[in-house]
Every structure is written in structure tokens, then in C-alpha cells.
Amino acid sequence: MKMNITETVKQARGHWPHILPALGVKVIKNRHQACPVCGGSDSFSFDDKEGRGRWFCNQCGAGDGLKLVEKVFGVTPSEAAGKVNAVTGNLPPVAPEIIAAVEAETEADRKAAA
């Protein structure tokens, strides 16, 4: 079944830390690192806020997981959705309460490390 962009993004929610590496995009959650788009060292961070694959780069800007796939591969939103859909297949969406629990755990870990 072919999915549209909105359906693909909805299905990918909560799965970005697995989708991106499966596509060859190296990201480490909540760490400054080299940008997979521009290569800028220590200018990129991936926090996956709300399971949406959120990222920031001081040079490239910011966006969600789909936007990162677009930029890394130089493809259109539809082509990026196709790449993501090929990885996600028929994965069920991650429940919002699971995403919230993971974010709370990550925040607690960050505070404990400070």
C-alpha cells in the first residue's frame, strides 16, 4: 500500500532513532555531533522531541526526521517519504504515552548528569 507523506510521518513517529540509521544517517540522540547534511563538526544535535525526529544544525537549520532525510539525500518530500516508508513497512505507531515516558527518562538522565 502506498502511503502519502502525512501517513508516513505519522507511522514513523517514535521510530526515528531506528529509521535514520537504517537509511545510513548516523545520529546520536541528545549529543552534539557532525551534521549529516553539511558535515559541520559539533554543529548538529538530534533530540527527537515528541518522537518526530527533531534536529538542529547551526548551519543547515532545523526540522523533523522527514526533512533530515530530504536534506541528506537531496530528494523531494515524496521521495523522502518513500525511503522512510520502505524502512517502516507496516510498523504500528508508537503510543504517545510511551514517547512521553522516554522523554521524561531522557530529561531525568540529563539532569542527573548535570
PDB file of N, CA and C in Angstrom:
ATOM      1  N   MET A   1       0.844  -1.180   0.000  1.00  0.00           N
ATOM      2  CA  MET A   1       0.000   0.000   0.000  1.00  0.00           C
ATOM      3  C   MET A   1       0.891   1.246   0.000  1.00  0.00           C
ATOM      4  N   LYS A   2       0.644   2.142  -0.924  1.00  0.00           N
ATOM      5  CA  LYS A   2       1.413   3.377  -0.994  1.00  0.00           C
ATOM      6  C   LYS A   2       0.830   4.380   0.003  1.00  0.00           C
ATOM      7  N   MET A   3       1.714   4.969   0.804  1.00  0.00           N
ATOM      8  CA  MET A   3       1.271   5.921   1.812  1.00  0.00           C
ATOM      9  C   MET A   3       1.623   7.333   1.371  1.00  0.00           C
ATOM     10  N   ASN A   4       0.793   8.300   1.769  1.00  0.00           N
ATOM     11  CA  ASN A   4       1.142   9.685   1.470  1.00  0.00           C
ATOM     12  C   ASN A   4       2.113  10.192   2.536  1.00  0.00           C
ATOM     13  N   ILE A   5       2.597  11.402   2.355  1.00  0.00           N
ATOM     14  CA  ILE A   5       3.605  11.963   3.256  1.00  0.00           C
ATOM     15  C   ILE A   5       3.090  12.030   4.691  1.00  0.00           C
ATOM     16  N   THR A   6       1.875  12.526   4.875  1.00  0.00           N
ATOM     17  CA  THR A   6       1.309  12.658   6.222  1.00  0.00           C
ATOM     18  C   THR A   6       1.210  11.305   6.913  1.00  0.00           C
ATOM     19  N   GLU A   7       0.738  10.293   6.195  1.00  0.00           N
ATOM     20  CA  GLU A   7       0.619   8.954   6.777  1.00  0.00           C
ATOM     21  C   GLU A   7       1.992   8.382   7.126  1.00  0.00           C
ATOM     22  N   THR A   8       2.971   8.618   6.267  1.00  0.00           N
ATOM     23  CA  THR A   8       4.323   8.118   6.517  1.00  0.00           C
ATOM     24  C   THR A   8       4.912   8.763   7.759  1.00  0.00           C
ATOM     25  N   VAL A   9       4.765  10.090   7.888  1.00  0.00           N
ATOM     26  CA  VAL A   9       5.289  10.793   9.062  1.00  0.00           C
ATOM     27  C   VAL A   9       4.596  10.297  10.327  1.00  0.00           C
ATOM     28  N   LYS A  10       3.292  10.088  10.255  1.00  0.00           N
ATOM     29  CA  LYS A  10       2.541   9.601  11.419  1.00  0.00           C
ATOM     30  C   LYS A  10       3.036   8.208  11.815  1.00  0.00           C
ATOM     31  N   GLN A  11       3.256   7.340  10.840  1.00  0.00           N
ATOM     32  CA  GLN A  11       3.715   5.988  11.124  1.00  0.00           C
ATOM     33  C   GLN A  11       5.149   5.980  11.659  1.00  0.00           C
ATOM     34  N   ALA A  12       5.962   6.937  11.224  1.00  0.00           N
ATOM     35  CA  ALA A  12       7.366   6.996  11.640  1.00  0.00           C
ATOM     36  C   ALA A  12       7.536   7.563  13.046  1.00  0.00           C
ATOM     37  N   ARG A  13       6.528   8.231  13.557  1.00  0.00           N
ATOM     38  CA  ARG A  13       6.641   8.876  14.874  1.00  0.00           C
ATOM     39  C   ARG A  13       7.080   7.870  15.932  1.00  0.00           C
ATOM     40  N   GLY A  14       8.130   8.244  16.647  1.00  0.00           N
ATOM     41  CA  GLY A  14       8.674   7.388  17.689  1.00  0.00           C
ATOM     42  C   GLY A  14       9.702   6.384  17.199  1.00  0.00           C
ATOM     43  N   HIS A  15       9.852   6.270  15.884  1.00  0.00           N
ATOM     44  CA  HIS A  15      10.780   5.297  15.306  1.00  0.00           C
ATOM     45  C   HIS A  15      12.024   5.937  14.688  1.00  0.00           C
ATOM     46  N   TRP A  16      12.132   7.268  14.714  1.00  0.00           N
ATOM     47  CA  TRP A  16      13.244   7.942  14.026  1.00  0.00           C
ATOM     48  C   TRP A  16      14.631   7.490  14.471  1.00  0.00           C
ATOM     49  N   PRO A  17      14.868   7.207  15.758  1.00  0.00           N
ATOM     50  CA  PRO A  17      16.214   6.751  16.139  1.00  0.00           C
ATOM     51  C   PRO A  17      16.619   5.434  15.465  1.00  0.00           C
ATOM     52  N   HIS A  18      15.643   4.702  14.918  1.00  0.00           N
ATOM     53  CA  HIS A  18      15.923   3.456  14.203  1.00  0.00           C
ATOM     54  C   HIS A  18      15.851   3.651  12.688  1.00  0.00           C
ATOM     55  N   ILE A  19      14.947   4.509  12.246  1.00  0.00           N
ATOM     56  CA  ILE A  19      14.776   4.747  10.810  1.00  0.00           C
ATOM     57  C   ILE A  19      16.017   5.393  10.210  1.00  0.00           C
ATOM     58  N   LEU A  20      16.490   6.459  10.844  1.00  0.00           N
ATOM     59  CA  LEU A  20      17.615   7.206  10.266  1.00  0.00           C
ATOM     60  C   LEU A  20      18.858   6.335  10.094  1.00  0.00           C
ATOM     61  N   PRO A  21      19.298   5.585  11.118  1.00  0.00           N
ATOM     62  CA  PRO A  21      20.459   4.716  10.901  1.00  0.00           C
ATOM     63  C   PRO A  21      20.209   3.645   9.830  1.00  0.00           C
ATOM     64  N   ALA A  22      18.966   3.154   9.747  1.00  0.00           N
ATOM     65  CA  ALA A  22      18.649   2.159   8.719  1.00  0.00           C
ATOM     66  C   ALA A  22      18.822   2.739   7.318  1.00  0.00           C
ATOM     67  N   LEU A  23      18.675   4.054   7.202  1.00  0.00           N
ATOM     68  CA  LEU A  23      18.877   4.733   5.920  1.00  0.00           C
ATOM     69  C   LEU A  23      20.327   5.194   5.741  1.00  0.00           C
ATOM     70  N   GLY A  24      21.164   4.905   6.731  1.00  0.00           N
ATOM     71  CA  GLY A  24      22.566   5.298   6.646  1.00  0.00           C
ATOM     72  C   GLY A  24      22.862   6.676   7.203  1.00  0.00           C
ATOM     73  N   VAL A  25      21.898   7.259   7.939  1.00  0.00           N
ATOM     74  CA  VAL A  25      22.072   8.589   8.534  1.00  0.00           C
ATOM     75  C   VAL A  25      22.430   8.394  10.004  1.00  0.00           C
ATOM     76  N   LYS A  26      23.683   8.674  10.349  1.00  0.00           N
ATOM     77  CA  LYS A  26      24.158   8.455  11.714  1.00  0.00           C
ATOM     78  C   LYS A  26      23.729   9.619  12.603  1.00  0.00           C
ATOM     79  N   VAL A  27      22.949   9.306  13.630  1.00  0.00           N
ATOM     80  CA  VAL A  27      22.541  10.306  14.619  1.00  0.00           C
ATOM     81  C   VAL A  27      22.677   9.702  16.009  1.00  0.00           C
ATOM     82  N   ILE A  28      23.083  10.528  16.949  1.00  0.00           N
ATOM     83  CA  ILE A  28      23.152  10.132  18.352  1.00  0.00           C
ATOM     84  C   ILE A  28      22.247  11.095  19.104  1.00  0.00           C
ATOM     85  N   LYS A  29      21.257  10.554  19.771  1.00  0.00           N
ATOM     86  CA  LYS A  29      20.268  11.393  20.440  1.00  0.00           C
ATOM     87  C   LYS A  29      20.899  12.206  21.567  1.00  0.00           C
ATOM     88  N   ASN A  30      20.540  13.491  21.598  1.00  0.00           N
ATOM     89  CA  ASN A  30      20.938  14.431  22.651  1.00  0.00           C
ATOM     90  C   ASN A  30      22.447  14.627  22.784  1.00  0.00           C
ATOM     91  N   ARG A  31      23.172  14.568  21.676  1.00  0.00           N
ATOM     92  CA  ARG A  31      24.619  14.825  21.674  1.00  0.00           C
ATOM     93  C   ARG A  31      24.949  15.737  20.498  1.00  0.00           C
ATOM     94  N   HIS A  32      25.860  16.667  20.714  1.00  0.00           N
ATOM     95  CA  HIS A  32      26.348  17.471  19.597  1.00  0.00           C
ATOM     96  C   HIS A  32      27.265  16.590  18.765  1.00  0.00           C
ATOM     97  N   GLN A  33      27.129  16.700  17.454  1.00  0.00           N
ATOM     98  CA  GLN A  33      27.861  15.822  16.552  1.00  0.00           C
ATOM     99  C   GLN A  33      28.000  16.482  15.191  1.00  0.00           C
ATOM    100  N   ALA A  34      28.736  15.841  14.309  1.00  0.00           N
ATOM    101  CA  ALA A  34      28.873  16.351  12.948  1.00  0.00           C
ATOM    102  C   ALA A  34      27.519  16.272  12.250  1.00  0.00           C
ATOM    103  N   CYS A  35      27.206  17.282  11.470  1.00  0.00           N
ATOM    104  CA  CYS A  35      25.939  17.312  10.742  1.00  0.00           C
ATOM    105  C   CYS A  35      25.995  16.336   9.566  1.00  0.00           C
ATOM    106  N   PRO A  36      24.988  15.461   9.429  1.00  0.00           N
ATOM    107  CA  PRO A  36      24.980  14.530   8.309  1.00  0.00           C
ATOM    108  C   PRO A  36      24.684  15.211   6.966  1.00  0.00           C
ATOM    109  N   VAL A  37      24.267  16.471   7.010  1.00  0.00           N
ATOM    110  CA  VAL A  37      23.980  17.204   5.775  1.00  0.00           C
ATOM    111  C   VAL A  37      25.200  18.000   5.327  1.00  0.00           C
ATOM    112  N   CYS A  38      25.666  18.911   6.182  1.00  0.00           N
ATOM    113  CA  CYS A  38      26.749  19.822   5.780  1.00  0.00           C
ATOM    114  C   CYS A  38      28.122  19.373   6.257  1.00  0.00           C
ATOM    115  N   GLY A  39      28.161  18.416   7.183  1.00  0.00           N
ATOM    116  CA  GLY A  39      29.432  17.929   7.700  1.00  0.00           C
ATOM    117  C   GLY A  39      30.043  18.793   8.778  1.00  0.00           C
ATOM    118  N   GLY A  40      29.361  19.891   9.132  1.00  0.00           N
ATOM    119  CA  GLY A  40      29.876  20.768  10.181  1.00  0.00           C
ATOM    120  C   GLY A  40      30.092  19.997  11.472  1.00  0.00           C
ATOM    121  N   SER A  41      31.289  20.073  12.017  1.00  0.00           N
ATOM    122  CA  SER A  41      31.583  19.315  13.234  1.00  0.00           C
ATOM    123  C   SER A  41      30.970  20.014  14.443  1.00  0.00           C
ATOM    124  N   ASP A  42      30.304  19.242  15.264  1.00  0.00           N
ATOM    125  CA  ASP A  42      29.718  19.721  16.517  1.00  0.00           C
ATOM    126  C   ASP A  42      28.650  20.801  16.324  1.00  0.00           C
ATOM    127  N   SER A  43      28.072  20.883  15.130  1.00  0.00           N
ATOM    128  CA  SER A  43      27.045  21.903  14.901  1.00  0.00           C
ATOM    129  C   SER A  43      25.639  21.318  14.877  1.00  0.00           C
ATOM    130  N   PHE A  44      25.514  20.010  15.022  1.00  0.00           N
ATOM    131  CA  PHE A  44      24.253  19.306  14.826  1.00  0.00           C
ATOM    132  C   PHE A  44      23.836  18.613  16.120  1.00  0.00           C
ATOM    133  N   SER A  45      22.533  18.639  16.404  1.00  0.00           N
ATOM    134  CA  SER A  45      22.003  17.834  17.504  1.00  0.00           C
ATOM    135  C   SER A  45      20.665  17.241  17.086  1.00  0.00           C
ATOM    136  N   PHE A  46      20.391  16.063  17.595  1.00  0.00           N
ATOM    137  CA  PHE A  46      19.171  15.320  17.305  1.00  0.00           C
ATOM    138  C   PHE A  46      18.513  15.027  18.639  1.00  0.00           C
ATOM    139  N   ASP A  47      17.345  15.647  18.900  1.00  0.00           N
ATOM    140  CA  ASP A  47      16.688  15.395  20.187  1.00  0.00           C
ATOM    141  C   ASP A  47      15.403  14.587  20.052  1.00  0.00           C
ATOM    142  N   ASP A  48      14.919  14.379  18.837  1.00  0.00           N
ATOM    143  CA  ASP A  48      13.744  13.547  18.588  1.00  0.00           C
ATOM    144  C   ASP A  48      12.547  13.965  19.432  1.00  0.00           C
ATOM    145  N   LYS A  49      12.401  15.257  19.682  1.00  0.00           N
ATOM    146  CA  LYS A  49      11.299  15.780  20.504  1.00  0.00           C
ATOM    147  C   LYS A  49       9.962  15.250  20.005  1.00  0.00           C
ATOM    148  N   GLU A  50       9.164  14.743  20.931  1.00  0.00           N
ATOM    149  CA  GLU A  50       7.834  14.192  20.662  1.00  0.00           C
ATOM    150  C   GLU A  50       7.864  13.063  19.640  1.00  0.00           C
ATOM    151  N   GLY A  51       9.011  12.416  19.490  1.00  0.00           N
ATOM    152  CA  GLY A  51       9.120  11.296  18.558  1.00  0.00           C
ATOM    153  C   GLY A  51       9.091  11.696  17.102  1.00  0.00           C
ATOM    154  N   ARG A  52       9.289  12.974  16.815  1.00  0.00           N
ATOM    155  CA  ARG A  52       9.177  13.474  15.447  1.00  0.00           C
ATOM    156  C   ARG A  52      10.511  13.552  14.705  1.00  0.00           C
ATOM    157  N   GLY A  53      11.578  13.090  15.335  1.00  0.00           N
ATOM    158  CA  GLY A  53      12.885  13.127  14.682  1.00  0.00           C
ATOM    159  C   GLY A  53      13.476  14.521  14.618  1.00  0.00           C
ATOM    160  N   ARG A  54      13.148  15.361  15.600  1.00  0.00           N
ATOM    161  CA  ARG A  54      13.570  16.764  15.564  1.00  0.00           C
ATOM    162  C   ARG A  54      15.088  16.885  15.640  1.00  0.00           C
ATOM    163  N   TRP A  55      15.626  17.798  14.822  1.00  0.00           N
ATOM    164  CA  TRP A  55      17.068  18.036  14.757  1.00  0.00           C
ATOM    165  C   TRP A  55      17.343  19.511  14.536  1.00  0.00           C
ATOM    166  N   PHE A  56      18.570  19.925  14.855  1.00  0.00           N
ATOM    167  CA  PHE A  56      19.013  21.313  14.680  1.00  0.00           C
ATOM    168  C   PHE A  56      20.439  21.303  14.149  1.00  0.00           C
ATOM    169  N   CYS A  57      20.733  22.208  13.248  1.00  0.00           N
ATOM    170  CA  CYS A  57      22.105  22.430  12.793  1.00  0.00           C
ATOM    171  C   CYS A  57      22.322  23.936  12.745  1.00  0.00           C
ATOM    172  N   ASN A  58      23.446  24.382  13.269  1.00  0.00           N
ATOM    173  CA  ASN A  58      23.749  25.813  13.264  1.00  0.00           C
ATOM    174  C   ASN A  58      23.907  26.361  11.849  1.00  0.00           C
ATOM    175  N   GLN A  59      24.171  25.490  10.882  1.00  0.00           N
ATOM    176  CA  GLN A  59      24.359  25.942   9.503  1.00  0.00           C
ATOM    177  C   GLN A  59      23.171  25.607   8.601  1.00  0.00           C
ATOM    178  N   CYS A  60      22.593  24.417   8.772  1.00  0.00           N
ATOM    179  CA  CYS A  60      21.531  23.945   7.868  1.00  0.00           C
ATOM    180  C   CYS A  60      20.118  24.312   8.305  1.00  0.00           C
ATOM    181  N   GLY A  61      19.947  24.648   9.571  1.00  0.00           N
ATOM    182  CA  GLY A  61      18.610  24.933  10.070  1.00  0.00           C
ATOM    183  C   GLY A  61      18.109  23.805  10.953  1.00  0.00           C
ATOM    184  N   ALA A  62      16.814  23.562  10.914  1.00  0.00           N
ATOM    185  CA  ALA A  62      16.194  22.560  11.775  1.00  0.00           C
ATOM    186  C   ALA A  62      15.018  21.927  11.054  1.00  0.00           C
ATOM    187  N   GLY A  63      14.524  20.846  11.609  1.00  0.00           N
ATOM    188  CA  GLY A  63      13.361  20.204  11.017  1.00  0.00           C
ATOM    189  C   GLY A  63      13.030  18.906  11.720  1.00  0.00           C
ATOM    190  N   ASP A  64      12.135  18.155  11.091  1.00  0.00           N
ATOM    191  CA  ASP A  64      11.762  16.851  11.619  1.00  0.00           C
ATOM    192  C   ASP A  64      12.548  15.768  10.881  1.00  0.00           C
ATOM    193  N   GLY A  65      12.272  14.522  11.212  1.00  0.00           N
ATOM    194  CA  GLY A  65      13.002  13.414  10.604  1.00  0.00           C
ATOM    195  C   GLY A  65      12.876  13.369   9.096  1.00  0.00           C
ATOM    196  N   LEU A  66      11.684  13.646   8.580  1.00  0.00           N
ATOM    197  CA  LEU A  66      11.493  13.609   7.131  1.00  0.00           C
ATOM    198  C   LEU A  66      12.322  14.695   6.450  1.00  0.00           C
ATOM    199  N   LYS A  67      12.370  15.875   7.036  1.00  0.00           N
ATOM    200  CA  LYS A  67      13.171  16.968   6.469  1.00  0.00           C
ATOM    201  C   LYS A  67      14.653  16.591   6.457  1.00  0.00           C
ATOM    202  N   LEU A  68      15.109  15.891   7.492  1.00  0.00           N
ATOM    203  CA  LEU A  68      16.503  15.456   7.528  1.00  0.00           C
ATOM    204  C   LEU A  68      16.786  14.474   6.390  1.00  0.00           C
ATOM    205  N   VAL A  69      15.876  13.547   6.157  1.00  0.00           N
ATOM    206  CA  VAL A  69      16.038  12.599   5.047  1.00  0.00           C
ATOM    207  C   VAL A  69      16.075  13.355   3.721  1.00  0.00           C
ATOM    208  N   GLU A  70      15.190  14.339   3.556  1.00  0.00           N
ATOM    209  CA  GLU A  70      15.191  15.162   2.334  1.00  0.00           C
ATOM    210  C   GLU A  70      16.550  15.802   2.107  1.00  0.00           C
ATOM    211  N   LYS A  71      17.080  16.440   3.159  1.00  0.00           N
ATOM    212  CA  LYS A  71      18.336  17.186   3.031  1.00  0.00           C
ATOM    213  C   LYS A  71      19.538  16.269   2.814  1.00  0.00           C
ATOM    214  N   VAL A  72      19.595  15.166   3.546  1.00  0.00           N
ATOM    215  CA  VAL A  72      20.739  14.253   3.421  1.00  0.00           C
ATOM    216  C   VAL A  72      20.812  13.665   2.015  1.00  0.00           C
ATOM    217  N   PHE A  73      19.665  13.265   1.473  1.00  0.00           N
ATOM    218  CA  PHE A  73      19.650  12.594   0.175  1.00  0.00           C
ATOM    219  C   PHE A  73      19.362  13.527  -0.996  1.00  0.00           C
ATOM    220  N   GLY A  74      19.039  14.790  -0.702  1.00  0.00           N
ATOM    221  CA  GLY A  74      18.736  15.738  -1.772  1.00  0.00           C
ATOM    222  C   GLY A  74      17.522  15.334  -2.587  1.00  0.00           C
ATOM    223  N   VAL A  75      16.463  14.915  -1.886  1.00  0.00           N
ATOM    224  CA  VAL A  75      15.256  14.434  -2.549  1.00  0.00           C
ATOM    225  C   VAL A  75      14.050  15.287  -2.161  1.00  0.00           C
ATOM    226  N   THR A  76      12.954  15.081  -2.864  1.00  0.00           N
ATOM    227  CA  THR A  76      11.700  15.778  -2.579  1.00  0.00           C
ATOM    228  C   THR A  76      11.043  15.160  -1.338  1.00  0.00           C
ATOM    229  N   PRO A  77      10.059  15.853  -0.757  1.00  0.00           N
ATOM    230  CA  PRO A  77       9.338  15.258   0.374  1.00  0.00           C
ATOM    231  C   PRO A  77       8.716  13.900   0.031  1.00  0.00           C
ATOM    232  N   SER A  78       8.164  13.766  -1.168  1.00  0.00           N
ATOM    233  CA  SER A  78       7.561  12.488  -1.568  1.00  0.00           C
ATOM    234  C   SER A  78       8.601  11.383  -1.659  1.00  0.00           C
ATOM    235  N   GLU A  79       9.765  11.709  -2.217  1.00  0.00           N
ATOM    236  CA  GLU A  79      10.835  10.714  -2.323  1.00  0.00           C
ATOM    237  C   GLU A  79      11.362  10.339  -0.940  1.00  0.00           C
ATOM    238  N   ALA A  80      11.477  11.331  -0.055  1.00  0.00           N
ATOM    239  CA  ALA A  80      11.922  11.055   1.313  1.00  0.00           C
ATOM    240  C   ALA A  80      10.912  10.152   2.018  1.00  0.00           C
ATOM    241  N   ALA A  81       9.629  10.431   1.831  1.00  0.00           N
ATOM    242  CA  ALA A  81       8.586   9.599   2.436  1.00  0.00           C
ATOM    243  C   ALA A  81       8.676   8.169   1.917  1.00  0.00           C
ATOM    244  N   GLY A  82       8.986   8.011   0.642  1.00  0.00           N
ATOM    245  CA  GLY A  82       9.158   6.674   0.074  1.00  0.00           C
ATOM    246  C   GLY A  82      10.298   5.920   0.732  1.00  0.00           C
ATOM    247  N   LYS A  83      11.413   6.615   0.975  1.00  0.00           N
ATOM    248  CA  LYS A  83      12.558   5.991   1.651  1.00  0.00           C
ATOM    249  C   LYS A  83      12.181   5.574   3.073  1.00  0.00           C
ATOM    250  N   VAL A  84      11.497   6.465   3.776  1.00  0.00           N
ATOM    251  CA  VAL A  84      11.087   6.174   5.153  1.00  0.00           C
ATOM    252  C   VAL A  84      10.091   5.024   5.171  1.00  0.00           C
ATOM    253  N   ASN A  85       9.135   5.047   4.268  1.00  0.00           N
ATOM    254  CA  ASN A  85       8.120   4.002   4.211  1.00  0.00           C
ATOM    255  C   ASN A  85       8.744   2.643   3.910  1.00  0.00           C
ATOM    256  N   ALA A  86       9.803   2.628   3.109  1.00  0.00           N
ATOM    257  CA  ALA A  86      10.485   1.365   2.811  1.00  0.00           C
ATOM    258  C   ALA A  86      11.096   0.757   4.074  1.00  0.00           C
ATOM    259  N   VAL A  87      11.488   1.606   5.010  1.00  0.00           N
ATOM    260  CA  VAL A  87      12.070   1.124   6.271  1.00  0.00           C
ATOM    261  C   VAL A  87      10.974   0.747   7.263  1.00  0.00           C
ATOM    262  N   THR A  88       9.947   1.581   7.368  1.00  0.00           N
ATOM    263  CA  THR A  88       8.927   1.354   8.395  1.00  0.00           C
ATOM    264  C   THR A  88       7.968   0.243   8.025  1.00  0.00           C
ATOM    265  N   GLY A  89       7.732   0.034   6.734  1.00  0.00           N
ATOM    266  CA  GLY A  89       6.822  -1.024   6.321  1.00  0.00           C
ATOM    267  C   GLY A  89       5.483  -0.891   7.000  1.00  0.00           C
ATOM    268  N   ASN A  90       5.135  -1.876   7.782  1.00  0.00           N
ATOM    269  CA  ASN A  90       3.847  -1.883   8.471  1.00  0.00           C
ATOM    270  C   ASN A  90       3.999  -1.751   9.981  1.00  0.00           C
ATOM    271  N   LEU A  91       5.003  -0.998  10.422  1.00  0.00           N
ATOM    272  CA  LEU A  91       5.175  -0.789  11.858  1.00  0.00           C
ATOM    273  C   LEU A  91       3.966  -0.064  12.433  1.00  0.00           C
ATOM    274  N   PRO A  92       3.532  -0.464  13.620  1.00  0.00           N
ATOM    275  CA  PRO A  92       2.442   0.276  14.256  1.00  0.00           C
ATOM    276  C   PRO A  92       2.977   1.583  14.827  1.00  0.00           C
ATOM    277  N   PRO A  93       2.136   2.609  14.930  1.00  0.00           N
ATOM    278  CA  PRO A  93       2.581   3.853  15.560  1.00  0.00           C
ATOM    279  C   PRO A  93       2.937   3.609  17.026  1.00  0.00           C
ATOM    280  N   VAL A  94       3.897   4.374  17.531  1.00  0.00           N
ATOM    281  CA  VAL A  94       4.267   4.287  18.943  1.00  0.00           C
ATOM    282  C   VAL A  94       3.252   5.100  19.734  1.00  0.00           C
ATOM    283  N   ALA A  95       2.748   4.528  20.810  1.00  0.00           N
ATOM    284  CA  ALA A  95       1.743   5.202  21.635  1.00  0.00           C
ATOM    285  C   ALA A  95       2.319   6.477  22.236  1.00  0.00           C
ATOM    286  N   PRO A  96       1.534   7.568  22.262  1.00  0.00           N
ATOM    287  CA  PRO A  96       2.013   8.839  22.813  1.00  0.00           C
ATOM    288  C   PRO A  96       2.534   8.727  24.241  1.00  0.00           C
ATOM    289  N   GLU A  97       1.925   7.863  25.057  1.00  0.00           N
ATOM    290  CA  GLU A  97       2.388   7.731  26.440  1.00  0.00           C
ATOM    291  C   GLU A  97       3.785   7.105  26.517  1.00  0.00           C
ATOM    292  N   ILE A  98       4.130   6.268  25.563  1.00  0.00           N
ATOM    293  CA  ILE A  98       5.479   5.691  25.526  1.00  0.00           C
ATOM    294  C   ILE A  98       6.488   6.765  25.149  1.00  0.00           C
ATOM    295  N   ILE A  99       6.147   7.595  24.173  1.00  0.00           N
ATOM    296  CA  ILE A  99       7.032   8.697  23.775  1.00  0.00           C
ATOM    297  C   ILE A  99       7.242   9.640  24.956  1.00  0.00           C
ATOM    298  N   ALA A 100       6.168   9.978  25.670  1.00  0.00           N
ATOM    299  CA  ALA A 100       6.273  10.880  26.824  1.00  0.00           C
ATOM    300  C   ALA A 100       7.148  10.271  27.917  1.00  0.00           C
ATOM    301  N   ALA A 101       7.014   8.968  28.157  1.00  0.00           N
ATOM    302  CA  ALA A 101       7.822   8.307  29.185  1.00  0.00           C
ATOM    303  C   ALA A 101       9.301   8.320  28.818  1.00  0.00           C
ATOM    304  N   VAL A 102       9.613   8.086  27.558  1.00  0.00           N
ATOM    305  CA  VAL A 102      11.009   8.103  27.109  1.00  0.00           C
ATOM    306  C   VAL A 102      11.586   9.504  27.236  1.00  0.00           C
ATOM    307  N   GLU A 103      10.805  10.524  26.874  1.00  0.00           N
ATOM    308  CA  GLU A 103      11.278  11.906  27.000  1.00  0.00           C
ATOM    309  C   GLU A 103      11.515  12.273  28.463  1.00  0.00           C
ATOM    310  N   ALA A 104      10.642  11.831  29.358  1.00  0.00           N
ATOM    311  CA  ALA A 104      10.813  12.113  30.785  1.00  0.00           C
ATOM    312  C   ALA A 104      12.070  11.425  31.308  1.00  0.00           C
ATOM    313  N   GLU A 105      12.309  10.202  30.866  1.00  0.00           N
ATOM    314  CA  GLU A 105      13.503   9.464  31.278  1.00  0.00           C
ATOM    315  C   GLU A 105      14.768  10.153  30.763  1.00  0.00           C
ATOM    316  N   THR A 106      14.732  10.607  29.521  1.00  0.00           N
ATOM    317  CA  THR A 106      15.878  11.308  28.943  1.00  0.00           C
ATOM    318  C   THR A 106      16.156  12.593  29.709  1.00  0.00           C
ATOM    319  N   GLU A 107      15.111  13.337  30.056  1.00  0.00           N
ATOM    320  CA  GLU A 107      15.273  14.586  30.807  1.00  0.00           C
ATOM    321  C   GLU A 107      15.834  14.302  32.200  1.00  0.00           C
ATOM    322  N   ALA A 108      15.358  13.239  32.840  1.00  0.00           N
ATOM    323  CA  ALA A 108      15.866  12.866  34.163  1.00  0.00           C
ATOM    324  C   ALA A 108      17.345  12.483  34.078  1.00  0.00           C
ATOM    325  N   ASP A 109      17.723  11.761  33.030  1.00  0.00           N
ATOM    326  CA  ASP A 109      19.132  11.389  32.829  1.00  0.00           C
ATOM    327  C   ASP A 109      19.995  12.622  32.621  1.00  0.00           C
ATOM    328  N   ARG A 110      19.473  13.574  31.860  1.00  0.00           N
ATOM    329  CA  ARG A 110      20.218  14.809  31.581  1.00  0.00           C
ATOM    330  C   ARG A 110      20.446  15.598  32.879  1.00  0.00           C
ATOM    331  N   LYS A 111      19.406  15.687  33.725  1.00  0.00           N
ATOM    332  CA  LYS A 111      19.533  16.417  34.997  1.00  0.00           C
ATOM    333  C   LYS A 111      20.487  15.703  35.946  1.00  0.00           C
ATOM    334  N   ALA A 112      20.453  14.370  35.952  1.00  0.00           N
ATOM    335  CA  ALA A 112      21.344  13.604  36.825  1.00  0.00           C
ATOM    336  C   ALA A 112      22.802  13.773  36.410  1.00  0.00           C
ATOM    337  N   ALA A 113      23.033  13.948  35.119  1.00  0.00           N
ATOM    338  CA  ALA A 113      24.399  14.105  34.610  1.00  0.00           C
ATOM    339  C   ALA A 113      24.944  15.507  34.848  1.00  0.00           C
ATOM    340  N   ALA A 114      24.052  16.468  35.093  1.00  0.00           N
ATOM    341  CA  ALA A 114      24.483  17.870  35.264  1.00  0.00           C
ATOM    342  C   ALA A 114      25.115  18.134  36.602  1.00  0.00           C
TER     343      ALA A 114
END
